[in-house]
Amino acid sequence: MPLLELISRLSMKGLHMVSFKYELNQDSVELQASDWFGIERVFVNGQMVSRKLNFGPNSVHKIQLNDGENCSFKLFIDPQTDELTCRIYKHNQLITSLKQGKNSLIQGQKILQQGLLLGSSLALLAILFPF
């Protein structure tokens, strides 16, 4: 199984995803990004039309809407506000700019840290006290 597909499946199993949703003419569009695994996915009317791994500070997804129009999603962290920002463009013109606050990202990171701490504690107990 390719790495991107494996990570995508793990991300769908309830791991933390940041989501940006927008109604664009007749289409419902959504960009999901995992701050844990770097997976990004774009959906149009519930169908995945783009996915990629990204561990950098920004990324771009170029897609085609159901009416044949080209659309792009630019995802980045705003250096002035530390907010995760998703800008949606149609015909290279900005349609909207959606933001997720820093608190959402910090909350996801705290959950990950707590999970890792619990998992490593259980592993250490299993090593120290074998059945």
C-alpha atoms as a PDB file:
ATOM      1  CA  MET A   1       0.000   0.000   0.000  1.00  0.00           C
ATOM      2  CA  PRO A   2       1.481   3.393  -0.969  1.00  0.00           C
ATOM      3  CA  LEU A   3       2.489   5.657   1.925  1.00  0.00           C
ATOM      4  CA  LEU A   4       0.084   8.456   0.915  1.00  0.00           C
ATOM      5  CA  GLU A   5      -2.872   6.031   0.898  1.00  0.00           C
ATOM      6  CA  LEU A   6      -1.861   4.552   4.267  1.00  0.00           C
ATOM      7  CA  ILE A   7      -1.556   7.978   5.887  1.00  0.00           C
ATOM      8  CA  SER A   8      -4.831   9.072   4.297  1.00  0.00           C
ATOM      9  CA  ARG A   9      -6.599   6.042   5.799  1.00  0.00           C
ATOM     10  CA  LEU A  10      -5.055   6.732   9.217  1.00  0.00           C
ATOM     11  CA  SER A  11      -6.189  10.353   8.991  1.00  0.00           C
ATOM     12  CA  MET A  12      -9.748   9.235   8.259  1.00  0.00           C
ATOM     13  CA  LYS A  13      -9.778   7.031  11.382  1.00  0.00           C
ATOM     14  CA  GLY A  14     -10.601   9.969  13.663  1.00  0.00           C
ATOM     15  CA  LEU A  15      -7.224  11.653  13.867  1.00  0.00           C
ATOM     16  CA  HIS A  16      -7.193  15.435  14.110  1.00  0.00           C
ATOM     17  CA  MET A  17      -8.011  17.213  10.839  1.00  0.00           C
ATOM     18  CA  VAL A  18      -8.430  20.938  10.297  1.00  0.00           C
ATOM     19  CA  SER A  19     -11.286  21.581   7.877  1.00  0.00           C
ATOM     20  CA  PHE A  20     -12.174  24.552   5.676  1.00  0.00           C
ATOM     21  CA  LYS A  21     -15.622  24.385   4.037  1.00  0.00           C
ATOM     22  CA  TYR A  22     -17.136  26.757   1.492  1.00  0.00           C
ATOM     23  CA  GLU A  23     -20.076  26.853  -0.911  1.00  0.00           C
ATOM     24  CA  LEU A  24     -18.818  27.873  -4.340  1.00  0.00           C
ATOM     25  CA  ASN A  25     -21.686  28.359  -6.815  1.00  0.00           C
ATOM     26  CA  GLN A  26     -23.269  24.895  -7.162  1.00  0.00           C
ATOM     27  CA  ASP A  27     -20.385  23.093  -5.432  1.00  0.00           C
ATOM     28  CA  SER A  28     -19.621  22.395  -1.812  1.00  0.00           C
ATOM     29  CA  VAL A  29     -15.818  22.437  -1.433  1.00  0.00           C
ATOM     30  CA  GLU A  30     -13.733  21.364   1.537  1.00  0.00           C
ATOM     31  CA  LEU A  31     -10.016  21.297   2.267  1.00  0.00           C
ATOM     32  CA  GLN A  32      -8.877  19.033   5.111  1.00  0.00           C
ATOM     33  CA  ALA A  33      -5.374  19.150   6.549  1.00  0.00           C
ATOM     34  CA  SER A  34      -3.851  16.948   9.234  1.00  0.00           C
ATOM     35  CA  ASP A  35      -1.456  18.757  11.516  1.00  0.00           C
ATOM     36  CA  TRP A  36      -0.163  15.337  12.621  1.00  0.00           C
ATOM     37  CA  PHE A  37       0.603  13.493   9.398  1.00  0.00           C
ATOM     38  CA  GLY A  38       0.874  16.272   6.804  1.00  0.00           C
ATOM     39  CA  ILE A  39      -1.925  14.845   4.668  1.00  0.00           C
ATOM     40  CA  GLU A  40      -4.078  17.341   2.795  1.00  0.00           C
ATOM     41  CA  ARG A  41      -7.258  16.514   0.890  1.00  0.00           C
ATOM     42  CA  VAL A  42      -9.687  18.548  -1.189  1.00  0.00           C
ATOM     43  CA  PHE A  43     -13.295  17.444  -1.687  1.00  0.00           C
ATOM     44  CA  VAL A  44     -15.911  18.710  -4.145  1.00  0.00           C
ATOM     45  CA  ASN A  45     -19.443  17.650  -3.215  1.00  0.00           C
ATOM     46  CA  GLY A  46     -18.046  14.905  -0.975  1.00  0.00           C
ATOM     47  CA  GLN A  47     -15.734  13.407  -3.632  1.00  0.00           C
ATOM     48  CA  MET A  48     -11.985  13.639  -3.041  1.00  0.00           C
ATOM     49  CA  VAL A  49     -10.402  15.429  -6.011  1.00  0.00           C
ATOM     50  CA  SER A  50      -6.915  16.149  -4.658  1.00  0.00           C
ATOM     51  CA  ARG A  51      -4.593  14.838  -1.966  1.00  0.00           C
ATOM     52  CA  LYS A  52      -0.963  15.280  -1.071  1.00  0.00           C
ATOM     53  CA  LEU A  53       1.571  15.059   1.717  1.00  0.00           C
ATOM     54  CA  ASN A  54       2.872  18.411   2.899  1.00  0.00           C
ATOM     55  CA  PHE A  55       5.152  19.168   5.821  1.00  0.00           C
ATOM     56  CA  GLY A  56       6.054  22.661   4.610  1.00  0.00           C
ATOM     57  CA  PRO A  57       4.626  26.023   5.669  1.00  0.00           C
ATOM     58  CA  ASN A  58       2.322  26.311   2.640  1.00  0.00           C
ATOM     59  CA  SER A  59       0.772  24.375  -0.216  1.00  0.00           C
ATOM     60  CA  VAL A  60      -1.428  24.769  -3.288  1.00  0.00           C
ATOM     61  CA  HIS A  61      -4.130  22.468  -4.675  1.00  0.00           C
ATOM     62  CA  LYS A  62      -5.399  23.121  -8.205  1.00  0.00           C
ATOM     63  CA  ILE A  63      -8.690  21.441  -9.040  1.00  0.00           C
ATOM     64  CA  GLN A  64     -11.516  21.558 -11.526  1.00  0.00           C
ATOM     65  CA  LEU A  65     -15.058  22.141 -10.277  1.00  0.00           C
ATOM     66  CA  ASN A  66     -18.039  20.181 -11.584  1.00  0.00           C
ATOM     67  CA  ASP A  67     -18.896  23.017 -14.005  1.00  0.00           C
ATOM     68  CA  GLY A  68     -15.409  22.740 -15.536  1.00  0.00           C
ATOM     69  CA  GLU A  69     -14.092  25.927 -13.905  1.00  0.00           C
ATOM     70  CA  ASN A  70     -10.570  25.891 -12.479  1.00  0.00           C
ATOM     71  CA  CYS A  71     -10.135  26.618  -8.798  1.00  0.00           C
ATOM     72  CA  SER A  72      -7.129  26.680  -6.481  1.00  0.00           C
ATOM     73  CA  PHE A  73      -6.680  26.406  -2.730  1.00  0.00           C
ATOM     74  CA  LYS A  74      -3.677  28.028  -1.063  1.00  0.00           C
ATOM     75  CA  LEU A  75      -2.986  26.848   2.473  1.00  0.00           C
ATOM     76  CA  PHE A  76      -0.467  28.660   4.681  1.00  0.00           C
ATOM     77  CA  ILE A  77       0.204  29.921   8.195  1.00  0.00           C
ATOM     78  CA  ASP A  78      -0.186  33.681   8.372  1.00  0.00           C
ATOM     79  CA  PRO A  79       3.079  34.974   9.916  1.00  0.00           C
ATOM     80  CA  GLN A  80       1.330  37.965  11.517  1.00  0.00           C
ATOM     81  CA  THR A  81      -1.456  36.067  13.291  1.00  0.00           C
ATOM     82  CA  ASP A  82      -0.184  32.453  13.390  1.00  0.00           C
ATOM     83  CA  GLU A  83      -3.564  31.430  11.952  1.00  0.00           C
ATOM     84  CA  LEU A  84      -3.845  28.615   9.437  1.00  0.00           C
ATOM     85  CA  THR A  85      -5.317  30.270   6.352  1.00  0.00           C
ATOM     86  CA  CYS A  86      -7.008  28.774   3.307  1.00  0.00           C
ATOM     87  CA  ARG A  87      -7.478  31.096   0.346  1.00  0.00           C
ATOM     88  CA  ILE A  88      -9.772  29.967  -2.455  1.00  0.00           C
ATOM     89  CA  TYR A  89      -9.202  31.369  -5.941  1.00  0.00           C
ATOM     90  CA  LYS A  90     -11.294  31.041  -9.089  1.00  0.00           C
ATOM     91  CA  HIS A  91      -9.795  32.312 -12.363  1.00  0.00           C
ATOM     92  CA  ASN A  92      -6.835  33.579 -10.279  1.00  0.00           C
ATOM     93  CA  GLN A  93      -9.136  35.946  -8.371  1.00  0.00           C
ATOM     94  CA  LEU A  94      -9.468  35.617  -4.610  1.00  0.00           C
ATOM     95  CA  ILE A  95     -12.950  34.345  -3.704  1.00  0.00           C
ATOM     96  CA  THR A  96     -12.530  33.989   0.060  1.00  0.00           C
ATOM     97  CA  SER A  97      -9.978  33.672   2.836  1.00  0.00           C
ATOM     98  CA  LEU A  98     -10.857  31.214   5.626  1.00  0.00           C
ATOM     99  CA  LYS A  99      -8.916  31.005   8.901  1.00  0.00           C
ATOM    100  CA  GLN A 100      -8.458  28.561  11.763  1.00  0.00           C
ATOM    101  CA  GLY A 101      -7.036  30.016  14.935  1.00  0.00           C
ATOM    102  CA  LYS A 102      -3.797  29.041  16.580  1.00  0.00           C
ATOM    103  CA  ASN A 103      -5.777  27.515  19.475  1.00  0.00           C
ATOM    104  CA  SER A 104      -7.153  24.804  17.196  1.00  0.00           C
ATOM    105  CA  LEU A 105      -3.632  23.810  16.167  1.00  0.00           C
ATOM    106  CA  ILE A 106      -2.329  23.914  19.743  1.00  0.00           C
ATOM    107  CA  GLN A 107      -5.240  21.745  20.936  1.00  0.00           C
ATOM    108  CA  GLY A 108      -4.429  19.130  18.281  1.00  0.00           C
ATOM    109  CA  GLN A 109      -0.764  19.140  19.254  1.00  0.00           C
ATOM    110  CA  LYS A 110      -1.644  18.708  22.953  1.00  0.00           C
ATOM    111  CA  ILE A 111      -3.845  15.707  22.175  1.00  0.00           C
ATOM    112  CA  LEU A 112      -1.010  14.172  20.159  1.00  0.00           C
ATOM    113  CA  GLN A 113       1.495  14.769  22.976  1.00  0.00           C
ATOM    114  CA  GLN A 114      -0.841  13.226  25.558  1.00  0.00           C
ATOM    115  CA  GLY A 115      -1.413  10.198  23.335  1.00  0.00           C
ATOM    116  CA  LEU A 116       2.313   9.717  22.792  1.00  0.00           C
ATOM    117  CA  LEU A 117       2.994  10.044  26.527  1.00  0.00           C
ATOM    118  CA  LEU A 118       0.315   7.487  27.379  1.00  0.00           C
ATOM    119  CA  GLY A 119       1.519   5.077  24.672  1.00  0.00           C
ATOM    120  CA  SER A 120       5.159   5.307  25.739  1.00  0.00           C
ATOM    121  CA  SER A 121       4.160   4.864  29.411  1.00  0.00           C
ATOM    122  CA  LEU A 122       2.216   1.707  28.571  1.00  0.00           C
ATOM    123  CA  ALA A 123       5.130   0.378  26.519  1.00  0.00           C
ATOM    124  CA  LEU A 124       7.543   1.025  29.386  1.00  0.00           C
ATOM    125  CA  LEU A 125       5.223  -0.757  31.836  1.00  0.00           C
ATOM    126  CA  ALA A 126       4.996  -3.735  29.473  1.00  0.00           C
ATOM    127  CA  ILE A 127       8.811  -3.905  29.311  1.00  0.00           C
ATOM    128  CA  LEU A 128       9.276  -3.559  33.073  1.00  0.00           C
ATOM    129  CA  PHE A 129       6.474  -5.909  34.058  1.00  0.00           C
ATOM    130  CA  PRO A 130       6.096  -8.604  31.379  1.00  0.00           C
ATOM    131  CA  PHE A 131       3.082 -10.875  31.688  1.00  0.00           C
END
